[in-house]
């Protein structure tokens, strides 16, 4: 299982939203390349980059930042946000993305989805962003009446084999993961999926690793890394089964209690 540091770009800056709300934003770095470099130096095996401006407007707005990241760093990148046409997908791949992440258009335009899958196959991931059990669209600003499980089955029927499952209620909240929810999704997904939402400690990563779901290929982590809850290296070690699942905060507390 791979840890994917998240770099969400809005107005040219690396930010994090709380529960997908654009009016609850924290800027963590004025330059997304700086954030990407930090994660690369800590041993990131893959980066998860999202163009929040593109997600809202329907067209990528931060391809230049993607280009800078992929040209400067020797770490593969998956990129999403506003990829709703074949030319946009092509532009993202030409800017250096190893994989593209489709969102809204994958549900609303099956012809587009079929076209992208046919053209780029294994380089295509579809993001299933969920609020209250239903899929959200348009940069998380709209919640549909489509249950997540039904959407996943329909996507798989059209050839989608790689998914990102995001729990919007937990996103950016450091509130922990729901192992039962992840298990339900794992039972539905026939290919591979990444989980995103709520990771705040190394214990959360241990919870996911302990599920031992072969189709759970990775975990996307943002705010916990930015706020120093643990490093990429520490998180990856837990997912590999070689690290200590004790978070730095609990280790400090234990040390203080013993003195």
Protein backbone atom coordinates (compact mmCIF):
# COMPACT_ATOMS: atom_id res chain seq x y z
CA UNK A 1 0.00 0.00 0.00
CA UNK A 2 1.37 3.41 -0.98
CA UNK A 3 1.02 6.70 0.87
CA UNK A 4 0.05 9.52 -1.50
CA UNK A 5 0.82 13.02 -0.16
CA UNK A 6 -1.91 15.39 -1.36
CA UNK A 7 -1.17 18.74 -2.98
CA UNK A 8 -4.38 20.69 -3.57
CA UNK A 9 -3.77 23.82 -5.64
CA UNK A 10 -5.96 26.90 -5.49
CA UNK A 11 -4.98 30.34 -6.78
CA UNK A 12 -1.45 29.03 -7.28
CA UNK A 13 -1.00 27.95 -3.65
CA UNK A 14 -0.93 24.61 -1.83
CA UNK A 15 -4.04 24.55 0.36
CA UNK A 16 -6.34 22.21 2.24
CA UNK A 17 -10.10 22.48 2.54
CA UNK A 18 -12.20 21.24 5.44
CA UNK A 19 -14.93 18.82 4.33
CA UNK A 20 -14.58 20.11 0.77
CA UNK A 21 -15.76 23.62 1.68
CA UNK A 22 -14.10 26.30 -0.41
CA UNK A 23 -14.88 28.89 2.27
CA UNK A 24 -12.85 26.91 4.84
CA UNK A 25 -9.39 26.95 3.34
CA UNK A 26 -5.93 26.85 4.92
CA UNK A 27 -2.89 27.88 2.88
CA UNK A 28 0.10 25.67 3.72
CA UNK A 29 2.58 26.77 1.06
CA UNK A 30 2.72 29.72 -1.32
CA UNK A 31 4.30 27.44 -3.95
CA UNK A 32 2.99 23.91 -4.63
CA UNK A 33 6.44 22.89 -5.86
CA UNK A 34 7.85 23.53 -2.38
CA UNK A 35 5.26 21.21 -0.85
CA UNK A 36 5.91 18.56 -3.49
CA UNK A 37 9.67 18.83 -2.89
CA UNK A 38 9.18 18.31 0.84
CA UNK A 39 7.18 15.13 0.29
CA UNK A 40 9.70 13.88 -2.27
CA UNK A 41 12.57 14.48 0.16
CA UNK A 42 10.67 12.47 2.78
CA UNK A 43 10.49 9.52 0.41
CA UNK A 44 7.12 9.86 -1.33
CA UNK A 45 6.63 7.15 -3.94
CA UNK A 46 3.75 8.97 -5.64
CA UNK A 47 2.08 12.41 -5.44
CA UNK A 48 -1.62 13.24 -5.60
CA UNK A 49 -2.15 16.69 -7.13
CA UNK A 50 -5.60 18.30 -7.45
CA UNK A 51 -6.42 21.50 -9.31
CA UNK A 52 -9.20 22.95 -7.14
CA UNK A 53 -9.70 25.90 -9.48
CA UNK A 54 -10.19 23.51 -12.36
CA UNK A 55 -12.58 21.36 -10.35
CA UNK A 56 -14.87 24.36 -9.86
CA UNK A 57 -14.65 25.83 -13.34
CA UNK A 58 -14.53 22.64 -15.38
CA UNK A 59 -11.15 23.37 -17.00
CA UNK A 60 -7.63 22.85 -15.64
CA UNK A 61 -6.15 26.11 -14.35
CA UNK A 62 -2.89 24.93 -12.80
CA UNK A 63 -1.19 22.82 -15.45
CA UNK A 64 1.91 24.99 -15.20
CA UNK A 65 2.34 23.99 -11.56
CA UNK A 66 1.90 20.35 -12.59
CA UNK A 67 4.56 20.84 -15.26
CA UNK A 68 6.97 22.37 -12.75
CA UNK A 69 6.47 19.53 -10.27
CA UNK A 70 6.92 16.75 -12.81
CA UNK A 71 9.96 18.37 -14.44
CA UNK A 72 11.74 19.12 -11.15
CA UNK A 73 11.02 15.93 -9.22
CA UNK A 74 11.58 12.29 -10.02
CA UNK A 75 8.29 11.18 -8.46
CA UNK A 76 5.24 10.07 -10.47
CA UNK A 77 2.14 12.26 -10.16
CA UNK A 78 -1.57 11.62 -10.53
CA UNK A 79 -3.48 14.77 -11.41
CA UNK A 80 -7.14 15.72 -11.32
CA UNK A 81 -9.44 18.73 -11.34
CA UNK A 82 -11.40 20.02 -14.31
CA UNK A 83 -10.56 17.15 -16.66
CA UNK A 84 -13.86 17.07 -18.54
CA UNK A 85 -12.70 16.85 -22.14
CA UNK A 86 -10.26 14.67 -24.05
CA UNK A 87 -7.99 17.66 -24.87
CA UNK A 88 -7.79 18.52 -21.14
CA UNK A 89 -6.81 14.95 -20.32
CA UNK A 90 -4.22 15.00 -23.07
CA UNK A 91 -2.82 18.31 -21.81
CA UNK A 92 -2.43 16.93 -18.28
CA UNK A 93 -0.55 13.89 -19.53
CA UNK A 94 1.66 16.07 -21.70
CA UNK A 95 2.37 18.22 -18.64
CA UNK A 96 3.88 15.15 -17.02
CA UNK A 97 1.04 13.42 -15.16
CA UNK A 98 1.48 9.67 -14.97
CA UNK A 99 -2.22 9.20 -14.26
CA UNK A 100 -5.24 11.44 -14.70
CA UNK A 101 -8.14 11.56 -12.25
CA UNK A 102 -11.63 12.05 -13.66
CA UNK A 103 -14.49 13.30 -11.53
CA UNK A 104 -17.79 14.86 -12.57
CA UNK A 105 -17.54 14.07 -16.26
CA UNK A 106 -17.06 10.36 -15.58
CA UNK A 107 -20.62 10.23 -14.21
CA UNK A 108 -22.35 12.71 -16.50
CA UNK A 109 -20.79 11.93 -19.89
CA UNK A 110 -20.39 8.23 -20.58
CA UNK A 111 -19.17 8.86 -24.11
CA UNK A 112 -16.32 10.95 -22.72
CA UNK A 113 -15.49 8.27 -20.16
CA UNK A 114 -15.46 5.56 -22.82
CA UNK A 115 -13.24 7.71 -25.04
CA UNK A 116 -10.70 8.38 -22.29
CA UNK A 117 -10.60 4.75 -21.15
CA UNK A 118 -10.07 3.60 -24.73
CA UNK A 119 -7.31 6.16 -25.34
CA UNK A 120 -5.41 6.00 -22.06
CA UNK A 121 -6.50 2.85 -20.22
CA UNK A 122 -4.27 2.23 -17.20
CA UNK A 123 -3.44 5.93 -16.94
CA UNK A 124 -7.05 6.73 -15.95
CA UNK A 125 -8.42 6.89 -12.39
CA UNK A 126 -11.97 7.92 -11.45
CA UNK A 127 -12.62 9.74 -8.19
CA UNK A 128 -15.76 8.82 -6.26
CA UNK A 129 -16.23 11.65 -3.76
CA UNK A 130 -18.93 10.82 -1.23
CA UNK A 131 -21.03 12.90 1.15
CA UNK A 132 -23.84 11.24 3.12
CA UNK A 133 -23.49 8.06 1.09
CA UNK A 134 -24.05 9.83 -2.23
CA UNK A 135 -21.58 11.03 -4.82
CA UNK A 136 -20.68 14.73 -4.92
CA UNK A 137 -19.75 16.53 -8.13
CA UNK A 138 -18.56 19.87 -9.51
CA UNK A 139 -15.61 20.16 -7.19
CA UNK A 140 -17.60 18.77 -4.24
CA UNK A 141 -20.02 21.72 -4.44
CA UNK A 142 -23.01 19.60 -5.49
CA UNK A 143 -24.27 16.37 -3.94
CA UNK A 144 -26.14 14.05 -6.28
CA UNK A 145 -28.73 11.41 -5.46
CA UNK A 146 -26.42 8.66 -6.73
CA UNK A 147 -25.37 6.12 -4.05
CA UNK A 148 -21.64 5.49 -4.10
CA UNK A 149 -21.94 1.73 -4.51
CA UNK A 150 -24.20 2.05 -7.55
CA UNK A 151 -21.83 4.56 -9.15
CA UNK A 152 -18.82 2.31 -8.59
CA UNK A 153 -20.60 -0.66 -10.17
CA UNK A 154 -21.63 1.42 -13.21
CA UNK A 155 -18.11 2.74 -13.65
CA UNK A 156 -16.65 -0.75 -13.47
CA UNK A 157 -19.15 -1.96 -16.05
CA UNK A 158 -17.68 0.62 -18.44
CA UNK A 159 -14.12 -0.56 -17.89
CA UNK A 160 -12.90 1.58 -14.97
CA UNK A 161 -10.38 -0.39 -12.92
CA UNK A 162 -8.77 2.29 -10.75
CA UNK A 163 -10.69 4.46 -8.30
CA UNK A 164 -10.17 7.04 -5.59
CA UNK A 165 -12.77 6.89 -2.82
CA UNK A 166 -12.99 10.10 -0.78
CA UNK A 167 -15.06 10.60 2.37
CA UNK A 168 -15.89 14.30 2.17
CA UNK A 169 -17.22 14.52 5.74
CA UNK A 170 -13.84 13.36 7.03
CA UNK A 171 -11.65 15.24 4.58
CA UNK A 172 -9.35 17.73 6.26
CA UNK A 173 -10.79 17.00 9.70
CA UNK A 174 -8.10 14.63 11.10
CA UNK A 175 -11.00 12.74 12.66
CA UNK A 176 -9.88 9.20 11.92
CA UNK A 177 -10.91 6.59 9.37
CA UNK A 178 -13.96 4.36 9.25
CA UNK A 179 -12.68 0.83 8.76
CA UNK A 180 -16.16 -0.56 8.17
CA UNK A 181 -16.79 1.97 5.41
CA UNK A 182 -13.51 1.05 3.74
CA UNK A 183 -14.38 -2.65 3.96
CA UNK A 184 -17.74 -2.02 2.28
CA UNK A 185 -16.06 -0.21 -0.57
CA UNK A 186 -13.41 -2.91 -0.87
CA UNK A 187 -16.17 -5.49 -1.31
CA UNK A 188 -17.64 -3.43 -4.17
CA UNK A 189 -14.46 -2.52 -6.03
CA UNK A 190 -13.27 -5.15 -8.48
CA UNK A 191 -10.08 -3.34 -9.44
CA UNK A 192 -7.87 -1.19 -7.20
CA UNK A 193 -8.73 1.87 -5.15
CA UNK A 194 -7.16 4.57 -3.02
CA UNK A 195 -8.81 5.83 0.15
CA UNK A 196 -8.91 9.47 1.24
CA UNK A 197 -10.42 11.17 4.27
CA UNK A 198 -9.78 11.62 7.97
CA UNK A 199 -6.24 10.30 8.38
CA UNK A 200 -4.78 12.15 11.35
CA UNK A 201 -2.37 9.72 13.04
CA UNK A 202 -0.17 6.76 12.31
CA UNK A 203 -2.78 4.67 14.10
CA UNK A 204 -5.25 5.53 11.32
CA UNK A 205 -2.80 4.17 8.76
CA UNK A 206 -2.34 1.07 10.90
CA UNK A 207 -6.13 0.60 10.93
CA UNK A 208 -6.19 0.65 7.13
CA UNK A 209 -3.19 -1.65 6.80
CA UNK A 210 -4.75 -4.11 9.25
CA UNK A 211 -7.79 -4.52 6.98
CA UNK A 212 -5.53 -6.47 4.61
CA UNK A 213 -7.62 -5.69 1.56
CA UNK A 214 -5.59 -6.55 -1.53
CA UNK A 215 -7.52 -4.07 -3.68
CA UNK A 216 -6.79 -1.15 -1.33
CA UNK A 217 -3.69 0.11 -3.11
CA UNK A 218 -3.01 3.34 -1.26
CA UNK A 219 -4.00 6.12 1.10
CA UNK A 220 -4.12 9.83 0.28
CA UNK A 221 -2.97 12.06 3.14
CA UNK A 222 -2.89 15.84 3.26
CA UNK A 223 -3.46 17.87 6.41
CA UNK A 224 -1.77 15.39 8.77
CA UNK A 225 1.46 15.74 6.77
CA UNK A 226 1.26 19.52 6.50
CA UNK A 227 0.73 19.82 10.25
CA UNK A 228 3.58 17.47 11.11
CA UNK A 229 1.52 14.69 12.69
CA UNK A 230 3.94 12.29 11.01
CA UNK A 231 6.30 12.27 8.04
CA UNK A 232 5.86 10.54 4.69
CA UNK A 233 8.63 8.14 5.66
CA UNK A 234 6.93 7.24 8.96
CA UNK A 235 3.54 6.80 7.30
CA UNK A 236 4.90 4.64 4.51
CA UNK A 237 6.72 2.45 7.03
CA UNK A 238 3.42 1.75 8.81
CA UNK A 239 1.72 0.85 5.53
CA UNK A 240 4.66 -1.41 4.70
CA UNK A 241 4.33 -3.09 8.09
CA UNK A 242 7.80 -2.02 9.19
CA UNK A 243 7.02 1.09 11.23
CA UNK A 244 5.86 2.01 14.73
CA UNK A 245 2.17 2.87 14.77
CA UNK A 246 2.65 5.27 17.66
CA UNK A 247 2.18 8.89 16.64
CA UNK A 248 4.74 11.52 17.67
CA UNK A 249 2.13 13.22 19.87
CA UNK A 250 1.43 10.05 21.86
CA UNK A 251 5.14 9.29 22.13
CA UNK A 252 5.74 12.76 23.59
CA UNK A 253 2.85 12.33 26.01
CA UNK A 254 4.17 8.95 27.16
CA UNK A 255 7.62 10.37 27.69
CA UNK A 256 6.28 13.29 29.69
CA UNK A 257 4.19 10.99 31.88
CA UNK A 258 7.18 8.87 32.75
CA UNK A 259 9.36 11.79 33.90
